[in-house]
Amino acid sequence: MHTEGRSIGSVNVIFCSDSFLLDINIKYLNHDTFTDIITFDYTDQDDFLSGEILISIDRVKENSKTFHVSFTTELHRVLIHGFLHLAGYKDKSIKDKELMTSKEDYCLSLQPKFFN
């Protein structure tokens, strides 16, 4: 499998609660806020993605209601978001966030091909 010209190496996806991810956010990122995802990039070679993607199922559920999408669609978006971070995409600036969102939308548009 390839993503953005790279192969997937070792990627752990950890599904957790809001409180668990909040503790991680405080401990490692000094952010005292809830979040839907934290990605730790362990990539040490340019061609293999490696890392950990931690996802709060509580946030995904809440965000799916907020954005009026299914839980599955929101979960897929968050997973894609994590893999895009591992591929080197950022989302801190408006321009970077717009690019990230367009990449997420493109990947989500492929869903019918893979899930039918």
PDB file of N, CA and C in Angstrom:
ATOM      1  N   MET A   1       0.848  -1.179   0.000  1.00  0.00           N
ATOM      2  CA  MET A   1       0.000   0.000   0.000  1.00  0.00           C
ATOM      3  C   MET A   1       0.887   1.233   0.000  1.00  0.00           C
ATOM      4  N   HIS A   2       0.517   2.234  -0.770  1.00  0.00           N
ATOM      5  CA  HIS A   2       1.295   3.475  -0.842  1.00  0.00           C
ATOM      6  C   HIS A   2       0.416   4.658  -0.500  1.00  0.00           C
ATOM      7  N   THR A   3       0.997   5.642   0.144  1.00  0.00           N
ATOM      8  CA  THR A   3       0.302   6.876   0.426  1.00  0.00           C
ATOM      9  C   THR A   3       1.273   8.027   0.227  1.00  0.00           C
ATOM     10  N   GLU A   4       0.908   8.950  -0.652  1.00  0.00           N
ATOM     11  CA  GLU A   4       1.740  10.109  -0.927  1.00  0.00           C
ATOM     12  C   GLU A   4       3.162   9.707  -1.295  1.00  0.00           C
ATOM     13  N   GLY A   5       3.289   8.627  -2.065  1.00  0.00           N
ATOM     14  CA  GLY A   5       4.596   8.189  -2.532  1.00  0.00           C
ATOM     15  C   GLY A   5       5.422   7.445  -1.510  1.00  0.00           C
ATOM     16  N   ARG A   6       4.836   7.096  -0.397  1.00  0.00           N
ATOM     17  CA  ARG A   6       5.557   6.377   0.650  1.00  0.00           C
ATOM     18  C   ARG A   6       4.831   5.090   0.978  1.00  0.00           C
ATOM     19  N   SER A   7       5.570   4.144   1.501  1.00  0.00           N
ATOM     20  CA  SER A   7       4.973   2.891   1.949  1.00  0.00           C
ATOM     21  C   SER A   7       4.670   2.985   3.436  1.00  0.00           C
ATOM     22  N   ILE A   8       3.689   2.215   3.864  1.00  0.00           N
ATOM     23  CA  ILE A   8       3.349   2.196   5.285  1.00  0.00           C
ATOM     24  C   ILE A   8       4.229   1.172   5.979  1.00  0.00           C
ATOM     25  N   GLY A   9       4.957   1.636   6.976  1.00  0.00           N
ATOM     26  CA  GLY A   9       5.793   0.761   7.785  1.00  0.00           C
ATOM     27  C   GLY A   9       4.985   0.283   8.973  1.00  0.00           C
ATOM     28  N   SER A  10       5.415   0.646  10.157  1.00  0.00           N
ATOM     29  CA  SER A  10       4.725   0.258  11.376  1.00  0.00           C
ATOM     30  C   SER A  10       3.906   1.445  11.895  1.00  0.00           C
ATOM     31  N   VAL A  11       2.581   1.296  11.825  1.00  0.00           N
ATOM     32  CA  VAL A  11       1.686   2.339  12.326  1.00  0.00           C
ATOM     33  C   VAL A  11       0.689   1.691  13.276  1.00  0.00           C
ATOM     34  N   ASN A  12       0.681   2.163  14.508  1.00  0.00           N
ATOM     35  CA  ASN A  12      -0.283   1.693  15.494  1.00  0.00           C
ATOM     36  C   ASN A  12      -1.407   2.713  15.590  1.00  0.00           C
ATOM     37  N   VAL A  13      -2.637   2.231  15.529  1.00  0.00           N
ATOM     38  CA  VAL A  13      -3.803   3.079  15.721  1.00  0.00           C
ATOM     39  C   VAL A  13      -4.427   2.672  17.045  1.00  0.00           C
ATOM     40  N   ILE A  14      -4.541   3.646  17.942  1.00  0.00           N
ATOM     41  CA  ILE A  14      -5.035   3.382  19.284  1.00  0.00           C
ATOM     42  C   ILE A  14      -6.332   4.164  19.481  1.00  0.00           C
ATOM     43  N   PHE A  15      -7.409   3.446  19.727  1.00  0.00           N
ATOM     44  CA  PHE A  15      -8.704   4.064  19.983  1.00  0.00           C
ATOM     45  C   PHE A  15      -8.863   4.198  21.490  1.00  0.00           C
ATOM     46  N   CYS A  16      -9.249   5.390  21.928  1.00  0.00           N
ATOM     47  CA  CYS A  16      -9.287   5.643  23.362  1.00  0.00           C
ATOM     48  C   CYS A  16     -10.414   6.616  23.703  1.00  0.00           C
ATOM     49  N   SER A  17     -10.489   6.982  24.961  1.00  0.00           N
ATOM     50  CA  SER A  17     -11.513   7.913  25.461  1.00  0.00           C
ATOM     51  C   SER A  17     -10.974   9.339  25.462  1.00  0.00           C
ATOM     52  N   ASP A  18     -11.889  10.293  25.652  1.00  0.00           N
ATOM     53  CA  ASP A  18     -11.497  11.694  25.799  1.00  0.00           C
ATOM     54  C   ASP A  18     -10.492  11.870  26.936  1.00  0.00           C
ATOM     55  N   SER A  19     -10.791  11.267  28.082  1.00  0.00           N
ATOM     56  CA  SER A  19      -9.936  11.477  29.254  1.00  0.00           C
ATOM     57  C   SER A  19      -8.531  10.917  29.033  1.00  0.00           C
ATOM     58  N   PHE A  20      -8.433   9.767  28.379  1.00  0.00           N
ATOM     59  CA  PHE A  20      -7.119   9.184  28.092  1.00  0.00           C
ATOM     60  C   PHE A  20      -6.329  10.103  27.170  1.00  0.00           C
ATOM     61  N   LEU A  21      -6.967  10.579  26.088  1.00  0.00           N
ATOM     62  CA  LEU A  21      -6.265  11.420  25.130  1.00  0.00           C
ATOM     63  C   LEU A  21      -5.946  12.793  25.717  1.00  0.00           C
ATOM     64  N   LEU A  22      -6.800  13.299  26.600  1.00  0.00           N
ATOM     65  CA  LEU A  22      -6.508  14.552  27.288  1.00  0.00           C
ATOM     66  C   LEU A  22      -5.238  14.412  28.123  1.00  0.00           C
ATOM     67  N   ASP A  23      -5.097  13.306  28.834  1.00  0.00           N
ATOM     68  CA  ASP A  23      -3.882  13.071  29.628  1.00  0.00           C
ATOM     69  C   ASP A  23      -2.635  13.076  28.737  1.00  0.00           C
ATOM     70  N   ILE A  24      -2.722  12.431  27.586  1.00  0.00           N
ATOM     71  CA  ILE A  24      -1.600  12.400  26.635  1.00  0.00           C
ATOM     72  C   ILE A  24      -1.318  13.813  26.124  1.00  0.00           C
ATOM     73  N   ASN A  25      -2.372  14.544  25.803  1.00  0.00           N
ATOM     74  CA  ASN A  25      -2.239  15.904  25.283  1.00  0.00           C
ATOM     75  C   ASN A  25      -1.538  16.809  26.302  1.00  0.00           C
ATOM     76  N   ILE A  26      -1.897  16.674  27.569  1.00  0.00           N
ATOM     77  CA  ILE A  26      -1.266  17.470  28.622  1.00  0.00           C
ATOM     78  C   ILE A  26       0.186  17.029  28.827  1.00  0.00           C
ATOM     79  N   LYS A  27       0.385  15.739  28.940  1.00  0.00           N
ATOM     80  CA  LYS A  27       1.713  15.207  29.269  1.00  0.00           C
ATOM     81  C   LYS A  27       2.751  15.464  28.186  1.00  0.00           C
ATOM     82  N   TYR A  28       2.385  15.232  26.923  1.00  0.00           N
ATOM     83  CA  TYR A  28       3.371  15.293  25.848  1.00  0.00           C
ATOM     84  C   TYR A  28       3.331  16.575  25.022  1.00  0.00           C
ATOM     85  N   LEU A  29       2.192  17.250  24.983  1.00  0.00           N
ATOM     86  CA  LEU A  29       2.076  18.429  24.122  1.00  0.00           C
ATOM     87  C   LEU A  29       1.775  19.714  24.894  1.00  0.00           C
ATOM     88  N   ASN A  30       1.606  19.595  26.210  1.00  0.00           N
ATOM     89  CA  ASN A  30       1.294  20.755  27.062  1.00  0.00           C
ATOM     90  C   ASN A  30       0.033  21.487  26.609  1.00  0.00           C
ATOM     91  N   HIS A  31      -0.954  20.736  26.104  1.00  0.00           N
ATOM     92  CA  HIS A  31      -2.246  21.302  25.705  1.00  0.00           C
ATOM     93  C   HIS A  31      -3.315  20.727  26.625  1.00  0.00           C
ATOM     94  N   ASP A  32      -3.999  21.586  27.352  1.00  0.00           N
ATOM     95  CA  ASP A  32      -5.040  21.145  28.278  1.00  0.00           C
ATOM     96  C   ASP A  32      -6.406  21.265  27.608  1.00  0.00           C
ATOM     97  N   THR A  33      -6.564  20.573  26.490  1.00  0.00           N
ATOM     98  CA  THR A  33      -7.811  20.599  25.723  1.00  0.00           C
ATOM     99  C   THR A  33      -8.115  19.213  25.174  1.00  0.00           C
ATOM    100  N   PHE A  34      -9.398  18.975  24.963  1.00  0.00           N
ATOM    101  CA  PHE A  34      -9.794  17.745  24.290  1.00  0.00           C
ATOM    102  C   PHE A  34      -9.406  17.847  22.823  1.00  0.00           C
ATOM    103  N   THR A  35      -9.119  16.709  22.234  1.00  0.00           N
ATOM    104  CA  THR A  35      -8.806  16.647  20.812  1.00  0.00           C
ATOM    105  C   THR A  35      -9.284  15.310  20.271  1.00  0.00           C
ATOM    106  N   ASP A  36      -9.507  15.253  18.977  1.00  0.00           N
ATOM    107  CA  ASP A  36      -9.954  13.990  18.390  1.00  0.00           C
ATOM    108  C   ASP A  36      -8.791  13.073  18.040  1.00  0.00           C
ATOM    109  N   ILE A  37      -7.614  13.658  17.787  1.00  0.00           N
ATOM    110  CA  ILE A  37      -6.482  12.852  17.347  1.00  0.00           C
ATOM    111  C   ILE A  37      -5.166  13.468  17.772  1.00  0.00           C
ATOM    112  N   ILE A  38      -4.227  12.607  18.110  1.00  0.00           N
ATOM    113  CA  ILE A  38      -2.822  12.986  18.293  1.00  0.00           C
ATOM    114  C   ILE A  38      -2.012  11.992  17.485  1.00  0.00           C
ATOM    115  N   THR A  39      -1.081  12.513  16.712  1.00  0.00           N
ATOM    116  CA  THR A  39      -0.225  11.661  15.889  1.00  0.00           C
ATOM    117  C   THR A  39       1.221  11.833  16.332  1.00  0.00           C
ATOM    118  N   PHE A  40       1.866  10.724  16.635  1.00  0.00           N
ATOM    119  CA  PHE A  40       3.288  10.725  16.948  1.00  0.00           C
ATOM    120  C   PHE A  40       4.013  10.113  15.754  1.00  0.00           C
ATOM    121  N   ASP A  41       4.853  10.904  15.127  1.00  0.00           N
ATOM    122  CA  ASP A  41       5.560  10.487  13.920  1.00  0.00           C
ATOM    123  C   ASP A  41       6.911   9.889  14.297  1.00  0.00           C
ATOM    124  N   TYR A  42       7.093   8.598  14.011  1.00  0.00           N
ATOM    125  CA  TYR A  42       8.351   7.913  14.291  1.00  0.00           C
ATOM    126  C   TYR A  42       9.102   7.587  13.003  1.00  0.00           C
ATOM    127  N   THR A  43       8.699   8.201  11.910  1.00  0.00           N
ATOM    128  CA  THR A  43       9.316   7.932  10.620  1.00  0.00           C
ATOM    129  C   THR A  43      10.797   8.288  10.685  1.00  0.00           C
ATOM    130  N   ASP A  44      11.644   7.314  10.349  1.00  0.00           N
ATOM    131  CA  ASP A  44      13.077   7.594  10.338  1.00  0.00           C
ATOM    132  C   ASP A  44      13.678   7.398   8.950  1.00  0.00           C
ATOM    133  N   GLN A  45      12.866   6.969   8.009  1.00  0.00           N
ATOM    134  CA  GLN A  45      13.287   6.857   6.620  1.00  0.00           C
ATOM    135  C   GLN A  45      12.285   7.627   5.789  1.00  0.00           C
ATOM    136  N   ASP A  46      12.748   8.212   4.691  1.00  0.00           N
ATOM    137  CA  ASP A  46      11.867   9.034   3.870  1.00  0.00           C
ATOM    138  C   ASP A  46      10.770   8.256   3.163  1.00  0.00           C
ATOM    139  N   ASP A  47      10.926   6.948   3.004  1.00  0.00           N
ATOM    140  CA  ASP A  47       9.962   6.217   2.191  1.00  0.00           C
ATOM    141  C   ASP A  47       9.014   5.313   2.986  1.00  0.00           C
ATOM    142  N   PHE A  48       9.149   5.228   4.308  1.00  0.00           N
ATOM    143  CA  PHE A  48       8.267   4.400   5.120  1.00  0.00           C
ATOM    144  C   PHE A  48       7.621   5.233   6.225  1.00  0.00           C
ATOM    145  N   LEU A  49       6.284   5.206   6.264  1.00  0.00           N
ATOM    146  CA  LEU A  49       5.562   5.895   7.331  1.00  0.00           C
ATOM    147  C   LEU A  49       5.590   5.032   8.581  1.00  0.00           C
ATOM    148  N   SER A  50       5.832   5.649   9.711  1.00  0.00           N
ATOM    149  CA  SER A  50       5.878   4.927  10.970  1.00  0.00           C
ATOM    150  C   SER A  50       5.417   5.865  12.085  1.00  0.00           C
ATOM    151  N   GLY A  51       4.578   5.350  12.975  1.00  0.00           N
ATOM    152  CA  GLY A  51       4.145   6.188  14.084  1.00  0.00           C
ATOM    153  C   GLY A  51       2.976   5.607  14.832  1.00  0.00           C
ATOM    154  N   GLU A  52       2.392   6.456  15.670  1.00  0.00           N
ATOM    155  CA  GLU A  52       1.200   6.094  16.433  1.00  0.00           C
ATOM    156  C   GLU A  52       0.138   7.150  16.195  1.00  0.00           C
ATOM    157  N   ILE A  53      -1.079   6.687  15.986  1.00  0.00           N
ATOM    158  CA  ILE A  53      -2.232   7.558  15.808  1.00  0.00           C
ATOM    159  C   ILE A  53      -3.198   7.229  16.937  1.00  0.00           C
ATOM    160  N   LEU A  54      -3.414   8.190  17.820  1.00  0.00           N
ATOM    161  CA  LEU A  54      -4.332   8.013  18.948  1.00  0.00           C
ATOM    162  C   LEU A  54      -5.606   8.778  18.644  1.00  0.00           C
ATOM    163  N   ILE A  55      -6.740   8.094  18.724  1.00  0.00           N
ATOM    164  CA  ILE A  55      -8.021   8.690  18.356  1.00  0.00           C
ATOM    165  C   ILE A  55      -9.012   8.557  19.509  1.00  0.00           C
ATOM    166  N   SER A  56      -9.608   9.691  19.877  1.00  0.00           N
ATOM    167  CA  SER A  56     -10.656   9.681  20.889  1.00  0.00           C
ATOM    168  C   SER A  56     -11.986   9.336  20.225  1.00  0.00           C
ATOM    169  N   ILE A  57     -12.511   8.193  20.549  1.00  0.00           N
ATOM    170  CA  ILE A  57     -13.808   7.774  20.016  1.00  0.00           C
ATOM    171  C   ILE A  57     -14.901   8.729  20.508  1.00  0.00           C
ATOM    172  N   ASP A  58     -14.754   9.241  21.732  1.00  0.00           N
ATOM    173  CA  ASP A  58     -15.723  10.211  22.259  1.00  0.00           C
ATOM    174  C   ASP A  58     -15.788  11.454  21.375  1.00  0.00           C
ATOM    175  N   ARG A  59     -14.614  11.982  20.979  1.00  0.00           N
ATOM    176  CA  ARG A  59     -14.569  13.192  20.133  1.00  0.00           C
ATOM    177  C   ARG A  59     -15.107  12.888  18.739  1.00  0.00           C
ATOM    178  N   VAL A  60     -14.765  11.729  18.195  1.00  0.00           N
ATOM    179  CA  VAL A  60     -15.251  11.374  16.863  1.00  0.00           C
ATOM    180  C   VAL A  60     -16.777  11.311  16.874  1.00  0.00           C
ATOM    181  N   LYS A  61     -17.324  10.708  17.915  1.00  0.00           N
ATOM    182  CA  LYS A  61     -18.779  10.605  18.035  1.00  0.00           C
ATOM    183  C   LYS A  61     -19.411  11.990  18.129  1.00  0.00           C
ATOM    184  N   GLU A  62     -18.847  12.846  18.980  1.00  0.00           N
ATOM    185  CA  GLU A  62     -19.371  14.207  19.150  1.00  0.00           C
ATOM    186  C   GLU A  62     -19.227  15.013  17.856  1.00  0.00           C
ATOM    187  N   ASN A  63     -18.063  14.921  17.215  1.00  0.00           N
ATOM    188  CA  ASN A  63     -17.835  15.672  15.974  1.00  0.00           C
ATOM    189  C   ASN A  63     -18.747  15.211  14.846  1.00  0.00           C
ATOM    190  N   SER A  64     -19.065  13.930  14.813  1.00  0.00           N
ATOM    191  CA  SER A  64     -19.966  13.444  13.759  1.00  0.00           C
ATOM    192  C   SER A  64     -21.343  14.108  13.889  1.00  0.00           C
ATOM    193  N   LYS A  65     -21.769  14.328  15.122  1.00  0.00           N
ATOM    194  CA  LYS A  65     -23.040  15.024  15.347  1.00  0.00           C
ATOM    195  C   LYS A  65     -22.913  16.503  14.986  1.00  0.00           C
ATOM    196  N   THR A  66     -21.833  17.127  15.407  1.00  0.00           N
ATOM    197  CA  THR A  66     -21.603  18.551  15.135  1.00  0.00           C
ATOM    198  C   THR A  66     -21.557  18.838  13.640  1.00  0.00           C
ATOM    199  N   PHE A  67     -20.869  17.967  12.885  1.00  0.00           N
ATOM    200  CA  PHE A  67     -20.680  18.186  11.449  1.00  0.00           C
ATOM    201  C   PHE A  67     -21.733  17.486  10.589  1.00  0.00           C
ATOM    202  N   HIS A  68     -22.693  16.836  11.237  1.00  0.00           N
ATOM    203  CA  HIS A  68     -23.807  16.177  10.547  1.00  0.00           C
ATOM    204  C   HIS A  68     -23.322  15.150   9.517  1.00  0.00           C
ATOM    205  N   VAL A  69     -22.399  14.299   9.966  1.00  0.00           N
ATOM    206  CA  VAL A  69     -21.913  13.195   9.148  1.00  0.00           C
ATOM    207  C   VAL A  69     -22.011  11.923   9.979  1.00  0.00           C
ATOM    208  N   SER A  70     -21.928  10.791   9.333  1.00  0.00           N
ATOM    209  CA  SER A  70     -21.987   9.533  10.069  1.00  0.00           C
ATOM    210  C   SER A  70     -20.724   9.355  10.911  1.00  0.00           C
ATOM    211  N   PHE A  71     -20.859   8.552  11.942  1.00  0.00           N
ATOM    212  CA  PHE A  71     -19.710   8.223  12.783  1.00  0.00           C
ATOM    213  C   PHE A  71     -18.597   7.626  11.923  1.00  0.00           C
ATOM    214  N   THR A  72     -18.963   6.729  11.013  1.00  0.00           N
ATOM    215  CA  THR A  72     -17.975   6.064  10.154  1.00  0.00           C
ATOM    216  C   THR A  72     -17.229   7.070   9.282  1.00  0.00           C
ATOM    217  N   THR A  73     -17.952   8.008   8.697  1.00  0.00           N
ATOM    218  CA  THR A  73     -17.303   9.024   7.853  1.00  0.00           C
ATOM    219  C   THR A  73     -16.333   9.858   8.673  1.00  0.00           C
ATOM    220  N   GLU A  74     -16.748  10.278   9.859  1.00  0.00           N
ATOM    221  CA  GLU A  74     -15.871  11.092  10.708  1.00  0.00           C
ATOM    222  C   GLU A  74     -14.658  10.291  11.159  1.00  0.00           C
ATOM    223  N   LEU A  75     -14.858   9.028  11.498  1.00  0.00           N
ATOM    224  CA  LEU A  75     -13.734   8.177  11.892  1.00  0.00           C
ATOM    225  C   LEU A  75     -12.750   8.032  10.740  1.00  0.00           C
ATOM    226  N   HIS A  76     -13.257   7.810   9.537  1.00  0.00           N
ATOM    227  CA  HIS A  76     -12.370   7.701   8.373  1.00  0.00           C
ATOM    228  C   HIS A  76     -11.602   8.999   8.156  1.00  0.00           C
ATOM    229  N   ARG A  77     -12.287  10.133   8.296  1.00  0.00           N
ATOM    230  CA  ARG A  77     -11.607  11.423   8.117  1.00  0.00           C
ATOM    231  C   ARG A  77     -10.461  11.574   9.123  1.00  0.00           C
ATOM    232  N   VAL A  78     -10.705  11.224  10.359  1.00  0.00           N
ATOM    233  CA  VAL A  78      -9.678  11.369  11.391  1.00  0.00           C
ATOM    234  C   VAL A  78      -8.512  10.414  11.133  1.00  0.00           C
ATOM    235  N   LEU A  79      -8.805   9.192  10.722  1.00  0.00           N
ATOM    236  CA  LEU A  79      -7.735   8.252  10.374  1.00  0.00           C
ATOM    237  C   LEU A  79      -6.891   8.783   9.218  1.00  0.00           C
ATOM    238  N   ILE A  80      -7.550   9.269   8.189  1.00  0.00           N
ATOM    239  CA  ILE A  80      -6.850   9.846   7.043  1.00  0.00           C
ATOM    240  C   ILE A  80      -5.988  11.018   7.511  1.00  0.00           C
ATOM    241  N   HIS A  81      -6.540  11.855   8.372  1.00  0.00           N
ATOM    242  CA  HIS A  81      -5.816  13.007   8.910  1.00  0.00           C
ATOM    243  C   HIS A  81      -4.505  12.552   9.569  1.00  0.00           C
ATOM    244  N   GLY A  82      -4.582  11.508  10.361  1.00  0.00           N
ATOM    245  CA  GLY A  82      -3.384  10.986  11.031  1.00  0.00           C
ATOM    246  C   GLY A  82      -2.342  10.496  10.051  1.00  0.00           C
ATOM    247  N   PHE A  83      -2.776   9.751   9.033  1.00  0.00           N
ATOM    248  CA  PHE A  83      -1.825   9.261   8.036  1.00  0.00           C
ATOM    249  C   PHE A  83      -1.222  10.409   7.231  1.00  0.00           C
ATOM    250  N   LEU A  84      -2.012  11.443   6.961  1.00  0.00           N
ATOM    251  CA  LEU A  84      -1.464  12.606   6.260  1.00  0.00           C
ATOM    252  C   LEU A  84      -0.396  13.301   7.104  1.00  0.00           C
ATOM    253  N   HIS A  85      -0.599  13.366   8.419  1.00  0.00           N
ATOM    254  CA  HIS A  85       0.450  13.918   9.282  1.00  0.00           C
ATOM    255  C   HIS A  85       1.723  13.083   9.156  1.00  0.00           C
ATOM    256  N   LEU A  86       1.575  11.767   9.149  1.00  0.00           N
ATOM    257  CA  LEU A  86       2.755  10.903   9.016  1.00  0.00           C
ATOM    258  C   LEU A  86       3.440  11.099   7.667  1.00  0.00           C
ATOM    259  N   ALA A  87       2.668  11.482   6.660  1.00  0.00           N
ATOM    260  CA  ALA A  87       3.225  11.726   5.322  1.00  0.00           C
ATOM    261  C   ALA A  87       3.840  13.120   5.207  1.00  0.00           C
ATOM    262  N   GLY A  88       3.788  13.889   6.302  1.00  0.00           N
ATOM    263  CA  GLY A  88       4.457  15.175   6.317  1.00  0.00           C
ATOM    264  C   GLY A  88       3.563  16.393   6.218  1.00  0.00           C
ATOM    265  N   TYR A  89       2.260  16.201   6.130  1.00  0.00           N
ATOM    266  CA  TYR A  89       1.347  17.343   6.038  1.00  0.00           C
ATOM    267  C   TYR A  89       1.138  17.968   7.410  1.00  0.00           C
ATOM    268  N   LYS A  90       1.016  19.275   7.419  1.00  0.00           N
ATOM    269  CA  LYS A  90       0.801  20.041   8.646  1.00  0.00           C
ATOM    270  C   LYS A  90      -0.580  20.689   8.585  1.00  0.00           C
ATOM    271  N   ASP A  91      -1.038  21.204   9.720  1.00  0.00           N
ATOM    272  CA  ASP A  91      -2.350  21.870   9.749  1.00  0.00           C
ATOM    273  C   ASP A  91      -2.380  23.064  10.696  1.00  0.00           C
ATOM    274  N   LYS A  92      -1.248  23.678  10.933  1.00  0.00           N
ATOM    275  CA  LYS A  92      -1.199  24.810  11.868  1.00  0.00           C
ATOM    276  C   LYS A  92      -1.588  26.123  11.198  1.00  0.00           C
ATOM    277  N   SER A  93      -1.189  26.336   9.953  1.00  0.00           N
ATOM    278  CA  SER A  93      -1.554  27.572   9.253  1.00  0.00           C
ATOM    279  C   SER A  93      -2.844  27.352   8.471  1.00  0.00           C
ATOM    280  N   ILE A  94      -3.481  28.440   8.090  1.00  0.00           N
ATOM    281  CA  ILE A  94      -4.716  28.348   7.297  1.00  0.00           C
ATOM    282  C   ILE A  94      -4.448  27.638   5.972  1.00  0.00           C
ATOM    283  N   LYS A  95      -3.367  28.003   5.314  1.00  0.00           N
ATOM    284  CA  LYS A  95      -3.015  27.388   4.026  1.00  0.00           C
ATOM    285  C   LYS A  95      -2.765  25.885   4.180  1.00  0.00           C
ATOM    286  N   ASP A  96      -2.011  25.504   5.213  1.00  0.00           N
ATOM    287  CA  ASP A  96      -1.739  24.083   5.458  1.00  0.00           C
ATOM    288  C   ASP A  96      -3.023  23.331   5.785  1.00  0.00           C
ATOM    289  N   LYS A  97      -3.897  23.941   6.577  1.00  0.00           N
ATOM    290  CA  LYS A  97      -5.163  23.299   6.949  1.00  0.00           C
ATOM    291  C   LYS A  97      -6.048  23.101   5.717  1.00  0.00           C
ATOM    292  N   GLU A  98      -6.080  24.091   4.832  1.00  0.00           N
ATOM    293  CA  GLU A  98      -6.863  23.957   3.596  1.00  0.00           C
ATOM    294  C   GLU A  98      -6.348  22.807   2.741  1.00  0.00           C
ATOM    295  N   LEU A  99      -5.021  22.685   2.624  1.00  0.00           N
ATOM    296  CA  LEU A  99      -4.440  21.587   1.857  1.00  0.00           C
ATOM    297  C   LEU A  99      -4.770  20.248   2.512  1.00  0.00           C
ATOM    298  N   MET A 100      -4.630  20.178   3.833  1.00  0.00           N
ATOM    299  CA  MET A 100      -4.931  18.944   4.566  1.00  0.00           C
ATOM    300  C   MET A 100      -6.390  18.546   4.346  1.00  0.00           C
ATOM    301  N   THR A 101      -7.299  19.497   4.461  1.00  0.00           N
ATOM    302  CA  THR A 101      -8.722  19.215   4.274  1.00  0.00           C
ATOM    303  C   THR A 101      -9.012  18.744   2.858  1.00  0.00           C
ATOM    304  N   SER A 102      -8.364  19.340   1.871  1.00  0.00           N
ATOM    305  CA  SER A 102      -8.584  18.908   0.484  1.00  0.00           C
ATOM    306  C   SER A 102      -8.067  17.487   0.277  1.00  0.00           C
ATOM    307  N   LYS A 103      -6.959  17.135   0.902  1.00  0.00           N
ATOM    308  CA  LYS A 103      -6.429  15.766   0.824  1.00  0.00           C
ATOM    309  C   LYS A 103      -7.389  14.791   1.530  1.00  0.00           C
ATOM    310  N   GLU A 104      -7.915  15.191   2.674  1.00  0.00           N
ATOM    311  CA  GLU A 104      -8.891  14.355   3.390  1.00  0.00           C
ATOM    312  C   GLU A 104     -10.117  14.115   2.512  1.00  0.00           C
ATOM    313  N   ASP A 105     -10.632  15.202   1.918  1.00  0.00           N
ATOM    314  CA  ASP A 105     -11.816  15.089   1.060  1.00  0.00           C
ATOM    315  C   ASP A 105     -11.556  14.159  -0.120  1.00  0.00           C
ATOM    316  N   TYR A 106     -10.378  14.273  -0.718  1.00  0.00           N
ATOM    317  CA  TYR A 106     -10.041  13.393  -1.839  1.00  0.00           C
ATOM    318  C   TYR A 106     -10.027  11.933  -1.389  1.00  0.00           C
ATOM    319  N   CYS A 107      -9.357  11.662  -0.283  1.00  0.00           N
ATOM    320  CA  CYS A 107      -9.294  10.277   0.211  1.00  0.00           C
ATOM    321  C   CYS A 107     -10.677   9.749   0.567  1.00  0.00           C
ATOM    322  N   LEU A 108     -11.509  10.595   1.177  1.00  0.00           N
ATOM    323  CA  LEU A 108     -12.873  10.178   1.504  1.00  0.00           C
ATOM    324  C   LEU A 108     -13.682   9.890   0.242  1.00  0.00           C
ATOM    325  N   SER A 109     -13.385  10.598  -0.846  1.00  0.00           N
ATOM    326  CA  SER A 109     -14.116  10.369  -2.099  1.00  0.00           C
ATOM    327  C   SER A 109     -13.822   8.990  -2.678  1.00  0.00           C
ATOM    328  N   LEU A 110     -12.743   8.365  -2.242  1.00  0.00           N
ATOM    329  CA  LEU A 110     -12.378   7.024  -2.710  1.00  0.00           C
ATOM    330  C   LEU A 110     -13.124   5.925  -1.963  1.00  0.00           C
ATOM    331  N   GLN A 111     -13.802   6.280  -0.873  1.00  0.00           N
ATOM    332  CA  GLN A 111     -14.486   5.287  -0.039  1.00  0.00           C
ATOM    333  C   GLN A 111     -15.351   4.307  -0.817  1.00  0.00           C
ATOM    334  N   PRO A 112     -16.234   4.769  -1.691  1.00  0.00           N
ATOM    335  CA  PRO A 112     -17.096   3.801  -2.374  1.00  0.00           C
ATOM    336  C   PRO A 112     -16.329   2.714  -3.119  1.00  0.00           C
ATOM    337  N   LYS A 113     -15.160   3.053  -3.636  1.00  0.00           N
ATOM    338  CA  LYS A 113     -14.352   2.074  -4.359  1.00  0.00           C
ATOM    339  C   LYS A 113     -13.841   0.976  -3.431  1.00  0.00           C
ATOM    340  N   PHE A 114     -13.591   1.328  -2.162  1.00  0.00           N
ATOM    341  CA  PHE A 114     -12.986   0.380  -1.247  1.00  0.00           C
ATOM    342  C   PHE A 114     -13.996  -0.295  -0.308  1.00  0.00           C
ATOM    343  N   PHE A 115     -15.153   0.318  -0.103  1.00  0.00           N
ATOM    344  CA  PHE A 115     -16.072  -0.213   0.896  1.00  0.00           C
ATOM    345  C   PHE A 115     -17.368  -0.770   0.300  1.00  0.00           C
ATOM    346  N   ASN A 116     -17.462  -0.870  -1.009  1.00  0.00           N
ATOM    347  CA  ASN A 116     -18.642  -1.478  -1.633  1.00  0.00           C
ATOM    348  C   ASN A 116     -18.361  -2.911  -2.021  1.00  0.00           C
TER     349      ASN A 116
END
